[in-house]
Amino acid sequence: MSEMPAMRVDHVGIAVESIDDAEALLFVLGCEKIHEESSEYGAFTWATYVLGDASRLELIAPKDGSESFLTDFLERRGSGLHHVTLEVGDLEQTVDVLETYDVSVVDHAAFDHWSEAFVPPSNPTSALLQFMEYHDGYAEHREAGHRLFVGGESL
Protein backbone atom coordinates (compact mmCIF):
# COMPACT_ATOMS: atom_id res chain seq x y z
CA MET A 1 0.00 0.00 0.00
CA SER A 2 1.18 3.51 -0.81
CA GLU A 3 2.07 5.96 1.88
CA MET A 4 0.90 9.55 1.98
CA PRO A 5 3.31 11.93 0.26
CA ALA A 6 4.78 14.97 2.00
CA MET A 7 1.98 17.18 3.30
CA ARG A 8 1.50 20.36 5.34
CA VAL A 9 -1.21 22.85 6.19
CA ASP A 10 -1.13 25.51 3.48
CA HIS A 11 -3.96 27.75 4.68
CA VAL A 12 -7.34 28.00 6.32
CA GLY A 13 -10.08 29.45 4.11
CA ILE A 14 -12.74 31.67 5.67
CA ALA A 15 -15.91 32.52 3.75
CA VAL A 16 -17.03 36.14 4.15
CA GLU A 17 -19.50 38.50 2.53
CA SER A 18 -16.82 41.18 2.08
CA ILE A 19 -13.03 40.89 2.11
CA ASP A 20 -12.66 44.60 2.90
CA ASP A 21 -14.89 44.30 5.97
CA ALA A 22 -13.38 41.06 7.26
CA GLU A 23 -9.70 41.81 6.77
CA ALA A 24 -9.71 44.56 9.40
CA LEU A 25 -9.65 41.90 12.12
CA LEU A 26 -6.79 40.06 10.41
CA PHE A 27 -4.77 43.29 10.40
CA VAL A 28 -5.43 43.74 14.13
CA LEU A 29 -4.06 40.22 14.63
CA GLY A 30 -0.86 41.23 12.83
CA CYS A 31 -1.53 39.63 9.45
CA GLU A 32 -0.02 41.04 6.27
CA LYS A 33 -2.07 40.92 3.08
CA ILE A 34 0.11 39.61 0.27
CA HIS A 35 -2.34 38.73 -2.46
CA GLU A 36 -5.86 39.26 -3.80
CA GLU A 37 -7.36 38.12 -7.08
CA SER A 38 -10.63 37.19 -8.68
CA SER A 39 -10.88 33.52 -9.47
CA GLU A 40 -10.89 32.82 -13.18
CA TYR A 41 -12.64 29.53 -12.41
CA GLY A 42 -15.53 30.75 -10.26
CA ALA A 43 -17.56 33.70 -9.12
CA PHE A 44 -15.45 34.68 -6.11
CA THR A 45 -12.44 36.70 -4.99
CA TRP A 46 -9.77 35.39 -2.67
CA ALA A 47 -7.11 37.12 -0.63
CA THR A 48 -4.10 35.65 1.18
CA TYR A 49 -2.72 36.86 4.50
CA VAL A 50 0.44 35.76 6.29
CA LEU A 51 0.90 35.68 10.03
CA GLY A 52 4.46 34.96 11.04
CA ASP A 53 6.65 32.71 8.95
CA ALA A 54 4.32 29.82 8.28
CA SER A 55 0.69 30.75 8.96
CA ARG A 56 -1.60 31.55 6.05
CA LEU A 57 -5.24 32.65 6.16
CA GLU A 58 -7.44 33.09 3.12
CA LEU A 59 -10.59 35.16 2.87
CA ILE A 60 -12.99 34.20 0.09
CA ALA A 61 -15.95 36.35 -0.88
CA PRO A 62 -18.51 36.10 -3.68
CA LYS A 63 -18.31 38.55 -6.55
CA ASP A 64 -21.17 41.05 -6.46
CA GLY A 65 -24.31 39.71 -8.08
CA SER A 66 -22.93 36.22 -8.69
CA GLU A 67 -24.36 32.87 -7.62
CA SER A 68 -21.93 30.09 -6.73
CA PHE A 69 -21.00 27.45 -4.18
CA LEU A 70 -19.88 30.33 -1.98
CA THR A 71 -23.16 32.26 -2.04
CA ASP A 72 -24.95 29.00 -1.23
CA PHE A 73 -22.55 28.38 1.67
CA LEU A 74 -23.00 31.90 3.07
CA GLU A 75 -26.79 31.66 2.82
CA ARG A 76 -26.81 28.32 4.70
CA ARG A 77 -24.12 28.96 7.31
CA GLY A 78 -23.08 32.60 7.27
CA SER A 79 -19.47 33.72 7.43
CA GLY A 80 -16.95 31.33 8.93
CA LEU A 81 -14.57 28.47 8.34
CA HIS A 82 -14.98 27.21 4.79
CA HIS A 83 -12.03 24.86 4.22
CA VAL A 84 -8.61 23.71 5.34
CA THR A 85 -6.08 23.37 2.53
CA LEU A 86 -3.31 20.81 2.80
CA GLU A 87 -0.48 21.18 0.33
CA VAL A 88 0.71 17.81 -0.92
CA GLY A 89 3.81 16.79 -2.81
CA ASP A 90 1.87 14.40 -5.07
CA LEU A 91 -1.89 14.81 -5.47
CA GLU A 92 -2.44 11.59 -7.43
CA GLN A 93 -0.74 9.54 -4.73
CA THR A 94 -2.75 11.35 -2.04
CA VAL A 95 -6.03 10.59 -3.80
CA ASP A 96 -5.01 6.96 -4.28
CA VAL A 97 -4.26 6.53 -0.57
CA LEU A 98 -7.49 8.26 0.48
CA GLU A 99 -9.55 6.08 -1.84
CA THR A 100 -7.76 2.96 -0.57
CA TYR A 101 -9.20 3.84 2.83
CA ASP A 102 -12.67 4.46 1.33
CA VAL A 103 -12.43 8.20 1.89
CA SER A 104 -14.69 10.05 -0.52
CA VAL A 105 -12.74 12.37 -2.85
CA VAL A 106 -14.64 14.87 -5.00
CA ASP A 107 -13.94 17.65 -7.48
CA HIS A 108 -10.54 16.31 -8.49
CA ALA A 109 -9.31 18.82 -11.08
CA ALA A 110 -6.15 20.07 -12.77
CA PHE A 111 -5.61 23.72 -13.67
CA ASP A 112 -2.76 25.59 -15.34
CA HIS A 113 -0.53 25.86 -12.26
CA TRP A 114 -2.06 23.58 -9.63
CA SER A 115 -4.19 20.50 -9.08
CA GLU A 116 -6.72 19.99 -6.33
CA ALA A 117 -9.16 17.52 -4.85
CA PHE A 118 -11.56 17.75 -1.94
CA VAL A 119 -12.76 15.52 0.85
CA PRO A 120 -16.32 16.73 1.53
CA PRO A 121 -17.44 17.80 5.00
CA SER A 122 -19.43 14.57 5.35
CA ASN A 123 -16.15 13.09 6.68
CA PRO A 124 -15.75 12.51 10.44
CA THR A 125 -14.12 15.96 10.99
CA SER A 126 -17.05 17.80 9.35
CA ALA A 127 -14.48 20.07 7.69
CA LEU A 128 -14.07 20.54 3.93
CA LEU A 129 -10.49 19.46 3.19
CA GLN A 130 -8.78 20.71 0.05
CA PHE A 131 -5.66 18.87 -1.11
CA MET A 132 -3.54 21.04 -3.40
CA GLU A 133 -0.41 20.36 -5.42
CA TYR A 134 1.36 23.41 -6.83
CA HIS A 135 2.91 23.15 -10.29
CA ASP A 136 5.63 25.19 -11.99
CA GLY A 137 4.50 28.71 -12.72
CA TYR A 138 2.04 29.13 -9.83
CA ALA A 139 4.14 31.69 -7.95
CA GLU A 140 5.51 33.33 -11.07
CA HIS A 141 2.00 34.24 -12.25
CA ARG A 142 1.11 36.07 -9.03
CA GLU A 143 2.48 39.31 -7.63
CA ALA A 144 3.19 37.81 -4.19
CA GLY A 145 5.30 35.14 -5.85
CA HIS A 146 6.96 32.62 -3.57
CA ARG A 147 5.58 34.36 -0.48
CA LEU A 148 2.40 32.42 -1.25
CA PHE A 149 4.20 29.20 -0.23
CA VAL A 150 4.79 28.20 3.35
CA GLY A 151 8.52 28.76 3.90
CA GLY A 152 8.85 30.32 0.43
CA GLU A 153 8.91 27.03 -1.50
CA SER A 154 6.29 24.49 -2.54
CA LEU A 155 6.68 20.86 -1.52
C-alpha atoms as a PDB file:
ATOM      1  CA  MET A   1       0.000   0.000   0.000  1.00  0.00           C
ATOM      2  CA  SER A   2       1.179   3.510  -0.814  1.00  0.00           C
ATOM      3  CA  GLU A   3       2.068   5.960   1.885  1.00  0.00           C
ATOM      4  CA  MET A   4       0.904   9.546   1.984  1.00  0.00           C
ATOM      5  CA  PRO A   5       3.312  11.934   0.260  1.00  0.00           C
ATOM      6  CA  ALA A   6       4.777  14.967   1.997  1.00  0.00           C
ATOM      7  CA  MET A   7       1.978  17.181   3.297  1.00  0.00           C
ATOM      8  CA  ARG A   8       1.505  20.360   5.336  1.00  0.00           C
ATOM      9  CA  VAL A   9      -1.211  22.852   6.195  1.00  0.00           C
ATOM     10  CA  ASP A  10      -1.131  25.507   3.485  1.00  0.00           C
ATOM     11  CA  HIS A  11      -3.958  27.753   4.684  1.00  0.00           C
ATOM     12  CA  VAL A  12      -7.338  28.003   6.324  1.00  0.00           C
ATOM     13  CA  GLY A  13     -10.082  29.448   4.115  1.00  0.00           C
ATOM     14  CA  ILE A  14     -12.736  31.671   5.674  1.00  0.00           C
ATOM     15  CA  ALA A  15     -15.906  32.519   3.745  1.00  0.00           C
ATOM     16  CA  VAL A  16     -17.033  36.139   4.150  1.00  0.00           C
ATOM     17  CA  GLU A  17     -19.498  38.500   2.532  1.00  0.00           C
ATOM     18  CA  SER A  18     -16.816  41.184   2.079  1.00  0.00           C
ATOM     19  CA  ILE A  19     -13.033  40.889   2.115  1.00  0.00           C
ATOM     20  CA  ASP A  20     -12.664  44.600   2.898  1.00  0.00           C
ATOM     21  CA  ASP A  21     -14.885  44.302   5.968  1.00  0.00           C
ATOM     22  CA  ALA A  22     -13.385  41.060   7.261  1.00  0.00           C
ATOM     23  CA  GLU A  23      -9.699  41.814   6.774  1.00  0.00           C
ATOM     24  CA  ALA A  24      -9.708  44.562   9.395  1.00  0.00           C
ATOM     25  CA  LEU A  25      -9.653  41.896  12.118  1.00  0.00           C
ATOM     26  CA  LEU A  26      -6.794  40.063  10.408  1.00  0.00           C
ATOM     27  CA  PHE A  27      -4.773  43.292  10.395  1.00  0.00           C
ATOM     28  CA  VAL A  28      -5.425  43.736  14.133  1.00  0.00           C
ATOM     29  CA  LEU A  29      -4.062  40.217  14.631  1.00  0.00           C
ATOM     30  CA  GLY A  30      -0.859  41.229  12.827  1.00  0.00           C
ATOM     31  CA  CYS A  31      -1.526  39.629   9.449  1.00  0.00           C
ATOM     32  CA  GLU A  32      -0.023  41.042   6.274  1.00  0.00           C
ATOM     33  CA  LYS A  33      -2.070  40.917   3.083  1.00  0.00           C
ATOM     34  CA  ILE A  34       0.110  39.609   0.272  1.00  0.00           C
ATOM     35  CA  HIS A  35      -2.339  38.734  -2.457  1.00  0.00           C
ATOM     36  CA  GLU A  36      -5.860  39.263  -3.805  1.00  0.00           C
ATOM     37  CA  GLU A  37      -7.363  38.125  -7.082  1.00  0.00           C
ATOM     38  CA  SER A  38     -10.631  37.188  -8.680  1.00  0.00           C
ATOM     39  CA  SER A  39     -10.876  33.521  -9.473  1.00  0.00           C
ATOM     40  CA  GLU A  40     -10.894  32.824 -13.183  1.00  0.00           C
ATOM     41  CA  TYR A  41     -12.643  29.525 -12.410  1.00  0.00           C
ATOM     42  CA  GLY A  42     -15.527  30.751 -10.263  1.00  0.00           C
ATOM     43  CA  ALA A  43     -17.564  33.700  -9.117  1.00  0.00           C
ATOM     44  CA  PHE A  44     -15.447  34.680  -6.114  1.00  0.00           C
ATOM     45  CA  THR A  45     -12.442  36.699  -4.988  1.00  0.00           C
ATOM     46  CA  TRP A  46      -9.771  35.386  -2.666  1.00  0.00           C
ATOM     47  CA  ALA A  47      -7.106  37.117  -0.627  1.00  0.00           C
ATOM     48  CA  THR A  48      -4.096  35.647   1.180  1.00  0.00           C
ATOM     49  CA  TYR A  49      -2.716  36.858   4.501  1.00  0.00           C
ATOM     50  CA  VAL A  50       0.442  35.755   6.290  1.00  0.00           C
ATOM     51  CA  LEU A  51       0.898  35.676  10.031  1.00  0.00           C
ATOM     52  CA  GLY A  52       4.459  34.964  11.043  1.00  0.00           C
ATOM     53  CA  ASP A  53       6.654  32.714   8.949  1.00  0.00           C
ATOM     54  CA  ALA A  54       4.325  29.816   8.275  1.00  0.00           C
ATOM     55  CA  SER A  55       0.694  30.746   8.960  1.00  0.00           C
ATOM     56  CA  ARG A  56      -1.604  31.550   6.053  1.00  0.00           C
ATOM     57  CA  LEU A  57      -5.236  32.647   6.156  1.00  0.00           C
ATOM     58  CA  GLU A  58      -7.437  33.095   3.121  1.00  0.00           C
ATOM     59  CA  LEU A  59     -10.595  35.156   2.868  1.00  0.00           C
ATOM     60  CA  ILE A  60     -12.993  34.201   0.091  1.00  0.00           C
ATOM     61  CA  ALA A  61     -15.954  36.350  -0.877  1.00  0.00           C
ATOM     62  CA  PRO A  62     -18.507  36.100  -3.678  1.00  0.00           C
ATOM     63  CA  LYS A  63     -18.312  38.552  -6.552  1.00  0.00           C
ATOM     64  CA  ASP A  64     -21.175  41.054  -6.456  1.00  0.00           C
ATOM     65  CA  GLY A  65     -24.309  39.708  -8.084  1.00  0.00           C
ATOM     66  CA  SER A  66     -22.932  36.218  -8.689  1.00  0.00           C
ATOM     67  CA  GLU A  67     -24.355  32.871  -7.619  1.00  0.00           C
ATOM     68  CA  SER A  68     -21.935  30.090  -6.730  1.00  0.00           C
ATOM     69  CA  PHE A  69     -21.001  27.448  -4.179  1.00  0.00           C
ATOM     70  CA  LEU A  70     -19.883  30.331  -1.984  1.00  0.00           C
ATOM     71  CA  THR A  71     -23.158  32.265  -2.043  1.00  0.00           C
ATOM     72  CA  ASP A  72     -24.954  29.004  -1.227  1.00  0.00           C
ATOM     73  CA  PHE A  73     -22.547  28.384   1.674  1.00  0.00           C
ATOM     74  CA  LEU A  74     -22.997  31.896   3.067  1.00  0.00           C
ATOM     75  CA  GLU A  75     -26.794  31.657   2.818  1.00  0.00           C
ATOM     76  CA  ARG A  76     -26.807  28.323   4.702  1.00  0.00           C
ATOM     77  CA  ARG A  77     -24.124  28.959   7.307  1.00  0.00           C
ATOM     78  CA  GLY A  78     -23.082  32.602   7.267  1.00  0.00           C
ATOM     79  CA  SER A  79     -19.466  33.715   7.430  1.00  0.00           C
ATOM     80  CA  GLY A  80     -16.949  31.335   8.933  1.00  0.00           C
ATOM     81  CA  LEU A  81     -14.574  28.471   8.340  1.00  0.00           C
ATOM     82  CA  HIS A  82     -14.977  27.212   4.790  1.00  0.00           C
ATOM     83  CA  HIS A  83     -12.028  24.863   4.221  1.00  0.00           C
ATOM     84  CA  VAL A  84      -8.611  23.710   5.338  1.00  0.00           C
ATOM     85  CA  THR A  85      -6.081  23.374   2.527  1.00  0.00           C
ATOM     86  CA  LEU A  86      -3.314  20.812   2.797  1.00  0.00           C
ATOM     87  CA  GLU A  87      -0.476  21.182   0.332  1.00  0.00           C
ATOM     88  CA  VAL A  88       0.711  17.809  -0.920  1.00  0.00           C
ATOM     89  CA  GLY A  89       3.811  16.791  -2.814  1.00  0.00           C
ATOM     90  CA  ASP A  90       1.871  14.404  -5.072  1.00  0.00           C
ATOM     91  CA  LEU A  91      -1.889  14.806  -5.468  1.00  0.00           C
ATOM     92  CA  GLU A  92      -2.438  11.586  -7.427  1.00  0.00           C
ATOM     93  CA  GLN A  93      -0.737   9.544  -4.729  1.00  0.00           C
ATOM     94  CA  THR A  94      -2.746  11.355  -2.039  1.00  0.00           C
ATOM     95  CA  VAL A  95      -6.034  10.588  -3.804  1.00  0.00           C
ATOM     96  CA  ASP A  96      -5.011   6.959  -4.277  1.00  0.00           C
ATOM     97  CA  VAL A  97      -4.257   6.530  -0.574  1.00  0.00           C
ATOM     98  CA  LEU A  98      -7.486   8.261   0.482  1.00  0.00           C
ATOM     99  CA  GLU A  99      -9.549   6.082  -1.839  1.00  0.00           C
ATOM    100  CA  THR A 100      -7.758   2.958  -0.571  1.00  0.00           C
ATOM    101  CA  TYR A 101      -9.196   3.837   2.831  1.00  0.00           C
ATOM    102  CA  ASP A 102     -12.666   4.456   1.332  1.00  0.00           C
ATOM    103  CA  VAL A 103     -12.427   8.205   1.888  1.00  0.00           C
ATOM    104  CA  SER A 104     -14.691  10.053  -0.524  1.00  0.00           C
ATOM    105  CA  VAL A 105     -12.742  12.366  -2.851  1.00  0.00           C
ATOM    106  CA  VAL A 106     -14.643  14.868  -4.999  1.00  0.00           C
ATOM    107  CA  ASP A 107     -13.943  17.653  -7.477  1.00  0.00           C
ATOM    108  CA  HIS A 108     -10.537  16.305  -8.491  1.00  0.00           C
ATOM    109  CA  ALA A 109      -9.306  18.824 -11.080  1.00  0.00           C
ATOM    110  CA  ALA A 110      -6.145  20.075 -12.767  1.00  0.00           C
ATOM    111  CA  PHE A 111      -5.607  23.720 -13.669  1.00  0.00           C
ATOM    112  CA  ASP A 112      -2.762  25.588 -15.342  1.00  0.00           C
ATOM    113  CA  HIS A 113      -0.529  25.861 -12.259  1.00  0.00           C
ATOM    114  CA  TRP A 114      -2.064  23.576  -9.629  1.00  0.00           C
ATOM    115  CA  SER A 115      -4.192  20.498  -9.078  1.00  0.00           C
ATOM    116  CA  GLU A 116      -6.716  19.987  -6.328  1.00  0.00           C
ATOM    117  CA  ALA A 117      -9.156  17.519  -4.848  1.00  0.00           C
ATOM    118  CA  PHE A 118     -11.559  17.749  -1.939  1.00  0.00           C
ATOM    119  CA  VAL A 119     -12.761  15.523   0.853  1.00  0.00           C
ATOM    120  CA  PRO A 120     -16.320  16.726   1.527  1.00  0.00           C
ATOM    121  CA  PRO A 121     -17.441  17.798   5.001  1.00  0.00           C
ATOM    122  CA  SER A 122     -19.426  14.575   5.349  1.00  0.00           C
ATOM    123  CA  ASN A 123     -16.146  13.094   6.679  1.00  0.00           C
ATOM    124  CA  PRO A 124     -15.748  12.514  10.443  1.00  0.00           C
ATOM    125  CA  THR A 125     -14.118  15.956  10.988  1.00  0.00           C
ATOM    126  CA  SER A 126     -17.050  17.796   9.354  1.00  0.00           C
ATOM    127  CA  ALA A 127     -14.482  20.074   7.686  1.00  0.00           C
ATOM    128  CA  LEU A 128     -14.069  20.535   3.934  1.00  0.00           C
ATOM    129  CA  LEU A 129     -10.494  19.459   3.195  1.00  0.00           C
ATOM    130  CA  GLN A 130      -8.783  20.712   0.050  1.00  0.00           C
ATOM    131  CA  PHE A 131      -5.663  18.874  -1.111  1.00  0.00           C
ATOM    132  CA  MET A 132      -3.536  21.040  -3.401  1.00  0.00           C
ATOM    133  CA  GLU A 133      -0.405  20.364  -5.418  1.00  0.00           C
ATOM    134  CA  TYR A 134       1.361  23.405  -6.833  1.00  0.00           C
ATOM    135  CA  HIS A 135       2.905  23.155 -10.292  1.00  0.00           C
ATOM    136  CA  ASP A 136       5.626  25.189 -11.989  1.00  0.00           C
ATOM    137  CA  GLY A 137       4.500  28.715 -12.718  1.00  0.00           C
ATOM    138  CA  TYR A 138       2.040  29.130  -9.831  1.00  0.00           C
ATOM    139  CA  ALA A 139       4.137  31.691  -7.952  1.00  0.00           C
ATOM    140  CA  GLU A 140       5.514  33.326 -11.075  1.00  0.00           C
ATOM    141  CA  HIS A 141       1.995  34.240 -12.246  1.00  0.00           C
ATOM    142  CA  ARG A 142       1.107  36.073  -9.026  1.00  0.00           C
ATOM    143  CA  GLU A 143       2.476  39.315  -7.635  1.00  0.00           C
ATOM    144  CA  ALA A 144       3.186  37.812  -4.187  1.00  0.00           C
ATOM    145  CA  GLY A 145       5.296  35.135  -5.855  1.00  0.00           C
ATOM    146  CA  HIS A 146       6.956  32.623  -3.574  1.00  0.00           C
ATOM    147  CA  ARG A 147       5.578  34.357  -0.481  1.00  0.00           C
ATOM    148  CA  LEU A 148       2.401  32.417  -1.254  1.00  0.00           C
ATOM    149  CA  PHE A 149       4.198  29.201  -0.233  1.00  0.00           C
ATOM    150  CA  VAL A 150       4.790  28.199   3.354  1.00  0.00           C
ATOM    151  CA  GLY A 151       8.521  28.762   3.899  1.00  0.00           C
ATOM    152  CA  GLY A 152       8.847  30.316   0.429  1.00  0.00           C
ATOM    153  CA  GLU A 153       8.914  27.026  -1.495  1.00  0.00           C
ATOM    154  CA  SER A 154       6.290  24.489  -2.537  1.00  0.00           C
ATOM    155  CA  LEU A 155       6.678  20.857  -1.520  1.00  0.00           C
END
